Amino acid sequence: MQRNKVVAKRKGALAVVAAGGAVAAGVVIAPVAGIVAAAGAVYLGWDWLTFRIKNGMRF
């Protein structure tokens, strides 16, 4: 269970960083670039959520 907590924390942090990068790309580069980057952030967030659900972890 402890290993799952570490993995979930890493996945969550990666999703947050990707979301921040998507916002930065949308502001600095172009809104279209932000949308493309946001798609990756949504995928990583979904991966984090499903991992927690599969392992019976609370929020």
N, C-alpha and C. Protein backbone atom coordinates (compact mmCIF):
# COMPACT_ATOMS: atom_id res chain seq x y z
N MET A 1 0.82 -1.19 0.00
CA MET A 1 0.00 0.00 0.00
C MET A 1 0.86 1.26 0.00
N GLN A 2 1.98 1.21 0.69
CA GLN A 2 2.86 2.38 0.76
C GLN A 2 3.42 2.71 -0.62
N ARG A 3 3.75 1.69 -1.41
CA ARG A 3 4.26 1.92 -2.75
C ARG A 3 3.20 2.59 -3.62
N ASN A 4 1.94 2.18 -3.45
CA ASN A 4 0.86 2.78 -4.23
C ASN A 4 0.68 4.26 -3.90
N LYS A 5 0.90 4.62 -2.65
CA LYS A 5 0.80 6.03 -2.26
C LYS A 5 1.87 6.86 -2.94
N VAL A 6 3.07 6.30 -3.01
CA VAL A 6 4.17 7.01 -3.66
C VAL A 6 3.89 7.17 -5.15
N VAL A 7 3.42 6.12 -5.78
CA VAL A 7 3.11 6.18 -7.21
C VAL A 7 1.98 7.17 -7.46
N ALA A 8 0.95 7.16 -6.64
CA ALA A 8 -0.17 8.08 -6.80
C ALA A 8 0.28 9.52 -6.63
N LYS A 9 1.16 9.76 -5.68
CA LYS A 9 1.67 11.11 -5.46
C LYS A 9 2.46 11.58 -6.67
N ARG A 10 3.27 10.70 -7.23
CA ARG A 10 4.07 11.05 -8.41
C ARG A 10 3.17 11.33 -9.61
N LYS A 11 2.16 10.49 -9.82
CA LYS A 11 1.23 10.69 -10.93
C LYS A 11 0.46 12.00 -10.77
N GLY A 12 0.04 12.31 -9.55
CA GLY A 12 -0.68 13.54 -9.30
C GLY A 12 0.19 14.77 -9.54
N ALA A 13 1.42 14.70 -9.09
CA ALA A 13 2.34 15.83 -9.29
C ALA A 13 2.61 16.05 -10.77
N LEU A 14 2.75 14.98 -11.51
CA LEU A 14 2.99 15.09 -12.94
C LEU A 14 1.77 15.71 -13.64
N ALA A 15 0.58 15.34 -13.22
CA ALA A 15 -0.63 15.91 -13.81
C ALA A 15 -0.74 17.40 -13.50
N VAL A 16 -0.38 17.80 -12.29
CA VAL A 16 -0.44 19.22 -11.92
C VAL A 16 0.58 20.03 -12.71
N VAL A 17 1.77 19.49 -12.86
CA VAL A 17 2.80 20.19 -13.63
C VAL A 17 2.38 20.32 -15.10
N ALA A 18 1.78 19.26 -15.65
CA ALA A 18 1.31 19.32 -17.03
C ALA A 18 0.20 20.35 -17.19
N ALA A 19 -0.69 20.45 -16.22
CA ALA A 19 -1.76 21.44 -16.28
C ALA A 19 -1.18 22.86 -16.22
N GLY A 20 -0.21 23.05 -15.36
CA GLY A 20 0.46 24.35 -15.29
C GLY A 20 1.17 24.70 -16.59
N GLY A 21 1.79 23.72 -17.18
CA GLY A 21 2.44 23.94 -18.48
C GLY A 21 1.44 24.27 -19.57
N ALA A 22 0.28 23.64 -19.50
CA ALA A 22 -0.77 23.92 -20.49
C ALA A 22 -1.26 25.36 -20.36
N VAL A 23 -1.44 25.80 -19.13
CA VAL A 23 -1.87 27.19 -18.92
C VAL A 23 -0.78 28.15 -19.41
N ALA A 24 0.46 27.85 -19.09
CA ALA A 24 1.56 28.72 -19.53
C ALA A 24 1.66 28.74 -21.05
N ALA A 25 1.50 27.60 -21.68
CA ALA A 25 1.56 27.54 -23.14
C ALA A 25 0.40 28.32 -23.75
N GLY A 26 -0.75 28.25 -23.14
CA GLY A 26 -1.90 28.99 -23.65
C GLY A 26 -1.72 30.49 -23.54
N VAL A 27 -1.06 30.94 -22.49
CA VAL A 27 -0.86 32.37 -22.29
C VAL A 27 0.32 32.88 -23.12
N VAL A 28 1.43 32.17 -23.10
CA VAL A 28 2.65 32.66 -23.73
C VAL A 28 2.65 32.40 -25.23
N ILE A 29 2.32 31.20 -25.65
CA ILE A 29 2.44 30.84 -27.07
C ILE A 29 1.17 31.20 -27.84
N ALA A 30 0.13 30.43 -27.60
CA ALA A 30 -1.15 30.66 -28.29
C ALA A 30 -2.21 29.80 -27.61
N PRO A 31 -3.46 30.22 -27.69
CA PRO A 31 -4.52 29.41 -27.08
C PRO A 31 -4.61 27.99 -27.65
N VAL A 32 -4.30 27.85 -28.93
CA VAL A 32 -4.35 26.51 -29.54
C VAL A 32 -3.30 25.60 -28.91
N ALA A 33 -2.12 26.12 -28.65
CA ALA A 33 -1.07 25.33 -28.01
C ALA A 33 -1.49 24.94 -26.59
N GLY A 34 -2.18 25.84 -25.92
CA GLY A 34 -2.67 25.54 -24.58
C GLY A 34 -3.71 24.43 -24.60
N ILE A 35 -4.57 24.42 -25.61
CA ILE A 35 -5.58 23.37 -25.73
C ILE A 35 -4.93 22.02 -25.99
N VAL A 36 -3.94 21.99 -26.85
CA VAL A 36 -3.24 20.75 -27.15
C VAL A 36 -2.53 20.23 -25.90
N ALA A 37 -1.88 21.12 -25.18
CA ALA A 37 -1.19 20.71 -23.96
C ALA A 37 -2.19 20.30 -22.87
N ALA A 38 -3.35 20.94 -22.85
CA ALA A 38 -4.37 20.59 -21.87
C ALA A 38 -4.89 19.17 -22.09
N ALA A 39 -4.91 18.73 -23.34
CA ALA A 39 -5.35 17.37 -23.62
C ALA A 39 -4.42 16.36 -22.94
N GLY A 40 -3.13 16.62 -22.97
CA GLY A 40 -2.18 15.76 -22.28
C GLY A 40 -2.36 15.82 -20.77
N ALA A 41 -2.64 16.98 -20.26
CA ALA A 41 -2.86 17.14 -18.82
C ALA A 41 -4.12 16.41 -18.37
N VAL A 42 -5.16 16.45 -19.19
CA VAL A 42 -6.39 15.73 -18.87
C VAL A 42 -6.13 14.23 -18.84
N TYR A 43 -5.35 13.74 -19.79
CA TYR A 43 -5.02 12.31 -19.80
C TYR A 43 -4.26 11.92 -18.53
N LEU A 44 -3.29 12.71 -18.15
CA LEU A 44 -2.52 12.40 -16.95
C LEU A 44 -3.38 12.47 -15.69
N GLY A 45 -4.29 13.41 -15.65
CA GLY A 45 -5.22 13.50 -14.52
C GLY A 45 -6.13 12.28 -14.46
N TRP A 46 -6.60 11.84 -15.61
CA TRP A 46 -7.45 10.65 -15.67
C TRP A 46 -6.67 9.41 -15.23
N ASP A 47 -5.41 9.32 -15.64
CA ASP A 47 -4.56 8.20 -15.24
C ASP A 47 -4.39 8.19 -13.72
N TRP A 48 -4.17 9.34 -13.13
CA TRP A 48 -4.03 9.45 -11.68
C TRP A 48 -5.31 9.02 -10.97
N LEU A 49 -6.45 9.51 -11.46
CA LEU A 49 -7.74 9.20 -10.85
C LEU A 49 -8.05 7.70 -10.94
N THR A 50 -7.86 7.11 -12.09
CA THR A 50 -8.16 5.68 -12.24
C THR A 50 -7.22 4.83 -11.40
N PHE A 51 -5.96 5.24 -11.26
CA PHE A 51 -5.02 4.50 -10.42
C PHE A 51 -5.49 4.50 -8.98
N ARG A 52 -5.92 5.65 -8.49
CA ARG A 52 -6.41 5.72 -7.11
C ARG A 52 -7.67 4.89 -6.91
N ILE A 53 -8.57 4.92 -7.89
CA ILE A 53 -9.81 4.15 -7.78
C ILE A 53 -9.52 2.65 -7.79
N LYS A 54 -8.66 2.21 -8.69
CA LYS A 54 -8.32 0.78 -8.80
C LYS A 54 -7.69 0.26 -7.52
N ASN A 55 -6.92 1.09 -6.86
CA ASN A 55 -6.23 0.65 -5.65
C ASN A 55 -6.99 0.98 -4.38
N GLY A 56 -8.21 1.46 -4.51
CA GLY A 56 -9.06 1.72 -3.34
C GLY A 56 -8.55 2.83 -2.45
N MET A 57 -7.94 3.83 -3.03
CA MET A 57 -7.37 4.92 -2.24
C MET A 57 -8.40 6.04 -2.11
N ARG A 58 -8.43 6.67 -0.94
CA ARG A 58 -9.32 7.79 -0.71
C ARG A 58 -8.68 9.08 -1.17
N PHE A 59 -9.48 10.13 -1.18
CA PHE A 59 -8.98 11.44 -1.58
C PHE A 59 -8.88 12.28 -0.38
